[in-house]
Amino acid sequence: MRHTATRRTRRAFTILELLIVIGILLALGGIVLYNLSGQSDKAYEGTQTVQMQAIKKALMMFKNDVKRLPTQEEGIVVLWDKSALDEEVAASWAGPYLETAVPKDMWGHEWVYVFPAEDVAIGFDIVSVGPDGQEGTEDDISLAKGKGNPEGDFGDFSGGAGSSSASGGAPR
């Protein structure tokens, strides 16, 4: 009689194999999370830029109706509330110039409205102080100057001396 050897078949993973798989999944998850973390900041900056462009258009409509830009003291609140204007100017106010009031940026900080703004073709600037809430830091976003760049210079993409007037370049 011939005796056949029985062979055991493995039906489960060992603890070591499970730990290796978990380690690989955690490493991949960390890489994905690291790569996505900067994207939300870019999205906020893009949203801020879009809001600033809407405020700029509203300021231009205000200027067309009232024949002047708001003073620094009046600020951008006059785009949705004419009570900050004197009676003579309020008579020509045809607002609200924005659908909804936007007194604060994405991070909950008041907008900085600069009027008059020197060396800026449109005569004013709108600044978001960014997530840190402090004016004059790298995370500031300016309508005339872009993000975190007080000179309004776009580095290698500036195209020479003539482009700084197009991008603004006013010191705050």
Protein backbone atom coordinates (compact mmCIF):
# COMPACT_ATOMS: atom_id res chain seq x y z
CA MET A 1 0.00 0.00 0.00
CA ARG A 2 1.31 3.25 -1.01
CA HIS A 3 1.24 6.05 1.49
CA THR A 4 0.56 9.46 -0.01
CA ALA A 5 1.89 12.46 1.76
CA THR A 6 -0.64 15.03 2.60
CA ARG A 7 0.34 18.55 1.90
CA ARG A 8 -0.94 21.43 3.95
CA THR A 9 -2.27 24.35 2.00
CA ARG A 10 -1.98 27.86 3.34
CA ARG A 11 -5.29 29.64 3.58
CA ALA A 12 -4.49 32.82 5.54
CA PHE A 13 -1.95 35.61 5.60
CA THR A 14 0.66 35.66 8.29
CA ILE A 15 0.84 38.61 10.66
CA LEU A 16 4.08 39.74 9.03
CA GLU A 17 2.47 39.87 5.59
CA LEU A 18 -0.45 41.89 6.99
CA LEU A 19 1.92 44.38 8.64
CA ILE A 20 3.81 44.84 5.37
CA VAL A 21 0.58 45.51 3.44
CA ILE A 22 -0.64 47.97 6.10
CA GLY A 23 2.73 49.76 6.00
CA ILE A 24 2.59 50.08 2.21
CA LEU A 25 -1.00 51.43 2.36
CA LEU A 26 -0.04 53.98 5.01
CA ALA A 27 2.95 55.14 2.96
CA LEU A 28 0.82 55.55 -0.17
CA GLY A 29 -1.85 57.39 1.84
CA GLY A 30 0.77 59.74 3.25
CA ILE A 31 2.11 60.52 -0.21
CA VAL A 32 -1.38 61.26 -1.55
CA LEU A 33 -2.25 63.42 1.45
CA TYR A 34 1.01 65.36 1.15
CA ASN A 35 0.38 66.05 -2.55
CA LEU A 36 -3.23 67.16 -1.98
CA SER A 37 -2.55 69.39 1.03
CA GLY A 38 -1.22 72.29 -1.06
CA GLN A 39 -4.13 72.17 -3.48
CA SER A 40 -6.64 73.56 -0.97
CA ASP A 41 -4.41 76.61 -0.40
CA LYS A 42 -4.27 77.21 -4.15
CA ALA A 43 -8.05 76.88 -4.36
CA TYR A 44 -8.51 79.50 -1.62
CA GLU A 45 -6.12 81.85 -3.41
CA GLY A 46 -8.02 81.36 -6.66
CA THR A 47 -11.32 82.05 -4.94
CA GLN A 48 -9.85 85.19 -3.37
CA THR A 49 -8.68 86.41 -6.76
CA VAL A 50 -12.13 85.85 -8.25
CA GLN A 51 -13.77 87.73 -5.36
CA MET A 52 -11.30 90.60 -5.79
CA GLN A 53 -12.09 90.80 -9.50
CA ALA A 54 -15.83 90.97 -8.67
CA ILE A 55 -15.15 93.78 -6.19
CA LYS A 56 -13.08 95.58 -8.82
CA LYS A 57 -15.95 95.39 -11.33
CA ALA A 58 -18.37 96.64 -8.67
CA LEU A 59 -16.03 99.54 -7.89
CA MET A 60 -15.94 100.44 -11.59
CA MET A 61 -19.76 100.45 -11.72
CA PHE A 62 -19.81 102.63 -8.59
CA LYS A 63 -17.35 105.00 -10.27
CA ASN A 64 -19.54 105.20 -13.40
CA ASP A 65 -22.61 106.13 -11.35
CA VAL A 66 -21.08 108.36 -8.67
CA LYS A 67 -18.25 109.76 -10.84
CA ARG A 68 -15.59 108.91 -8.27
CA LEU A 69 -14.14 105.95 -6.43
CA PRO A 70 -14.95 105.40 -2.76
CA THR A 71 -12.61 107.10 -0.34
CA GLN A 72 -10.40 105.02 1.93
CA GLU A 73 -12.69 105.91 4.85
CA GLU A 74 -15.82 104.79 2.97
CA GLY A 75 -14.17 101.57 1.86
CA ILE A 76 -15.89 98.86 -0.14
CA VAL A 77 -18.93 98.81 2.14
CA VAL A 78 -20.49 101.46 -0.15
CA LEU A 79 -20.84 98.76 -2.80
CA TRP A 80 -23.76 97.24 -0.88
CA ASP A 81 -24.71 99.94 1.66
CA LYS A 82 -25.15 103.59 0.68
CA SER A 83 -25.58 104.79 4.27
CA ALA A 84 -21.82 105.50 4.45
CA LEU A 85 -22.21 108.10 1.67
CA ASP A 86 -23.34 111.70 2.10
CA GLU A 87 -26.76 112.64 0.70
CA GLU A 88 -25.45 114.26 -2.47
CA VAL A 89 -23.42 111.20 -3.50
CA ALA A 90 -26.11 108.77 -2.28
CA ALA A 91 -28.55 110.35 -4.75
CA SER A 92 -26.50 109.07 -7.70
CA TRP A 93 -25.80 105.68 -6.08
CA ALA A 94 -27.47 102.96 -8.19
CA GLY A 95 -26.41 99.95 -6.14
CA PRO A 96 -26.09 97.56 -4.61
CA TYR A 97 -23.20 96.77 -6.89
CA LEU A 98 -22.60 93.30 -5.44
CA GLU A 99 -25.30 90.63 -5.05
CA THR A 100 -24.19 89.88 -1.51
CA ALA A 101 -22.09 91.81 0.97
CA VAL A 102 -18.49 90.57 1.20
CA PRO A 103 -16.96 92.48 4.10
CA LYS A 104 -14.43 89.71 4.80
CA ASP A 105 -12.14 87.45 2.81
CA MET A 106 -12.12 83.64 2.84
CA TRP A 107 -10.23 83.57 6.15
CA GLY A 108 -12.60 85.95 7.93
CA HIS A 109 -10.37 89.04 7.76
CA GLU A 110 -11.51 92.49 6.65
CA TRP A 111 -10.51 93.50 3.13
CA VAL A 112 -7.85 96.21 2.92
CA TYR A 113 -8.99 98.88 0.45
CA VAL A 114 -6.17 101.22 -0.58
CA PHE A 115 -7.18 104.51 -2.18
CA PRO A 116 -5.41 106.26 -3.72
CA ALA A 117 -2.88 103.61 -4.64
CA GLU A 118 0.25 104.97 -6.26
CA ASP A 119 1.63 103.45 -9.45
CA VAL A 120 -1.53 101.40 -10.00
CA ALA A 121 -3.32 102.07 -13.27
CA ILE A 122 -6.80 101.67 -11.76
CA GLY A 123 -6.06 104.02 -8.83
CA PHE A 124 -6.93 101.61 -6.02
CA ASP A 125 -5.92 98.26 -4.63
CA ILE A 126 -7.75 95.54 -2.72
CA VAL A 127 -5.72 93.31 -0.43
CA SER A 128 -6.56 90.10 1.40
CA VAL A 129 -4.19 89.66 4.33
CA GLY A 130 -4.33 85.90 3.84
CA PRO A 131 -4.58 83.11 6.39
CA ASP A 132 -2.17 84.67 8.89
CA GLY A 133 -4.24 87.86 9.17
CA GLN A 134 -1.22 90.16 9.08
CA GLU A 135 -0.66 92.76 6.39
CA GLY A 136 2.67 92.82 4.59
CA THR A 137 3.50 89.12 4.80
CA GLU A 138 4.15 86.56 2.05
CA ASP A 139 0.62 85.16 2.08
CA ASP A 140 -1.06 88.50 1.25
CA ILE A 141 -3.04 88.55 -1.99
CA SER A 142 -3.28 91.89 -3.77
CA LEU A 143 -5.50 92.77 -6.71
CA ALA A 144 -2.78 94.89 -8.32
CA LYS A 145 0.29 92.93 -7.32
CA GLY A 146 -0.68 89.28 -7.07
CA LYS A 147 0.26 87.02 -4.16
CA GLY A 148 2.98 87.86 -1.65
CA ASN A 149 4.95 90.06 -4.02
CA PRO A 150 5.09 93.72 -3.01
CA GLU A 151 6.94 94.72 -6.17
CA GLY A 152 4.34 93.23 -8.50
CA ASP A 153 7.16 91.38 -10.27
CA PHE A 154 6.46 88.00 -11.79
CA GLY A 155 10.08 86.86 -11.81
CA ASP A 156 11.18 85.17 -15.02
CA PHE A 157 7.77 85.78 -16.58
CA SER A 158 7.86 89.57 -16.29
CA GLY A 159 8.84 90.16 -19.90
CA GLY A 160 10.99 93.19 -19.18
CA ALA A 161 10.55 96.60 -17.61
CA GLY A 162 7.28 97.42 -19.35
CA SER A 163 5.25 94.72 -17.65
CA SER A 164 5.49 96.11 -14.11
CA SER A 165 3.08 98.93 -14.98
CA ALA A 166 0.53 96.42 -16.23
CA SER A 167 0.66 94.37 -13.05
CA GLY A 168 0.60 97.30 -10.66
CA GLY A 169 3.68 97.54 -8.53
CA ALA A 170 2.50 99.99 -5.88
CA PRO A 171 3.97 99.71 -2.45
CA ARG A 172 1.46 99.41 0.35
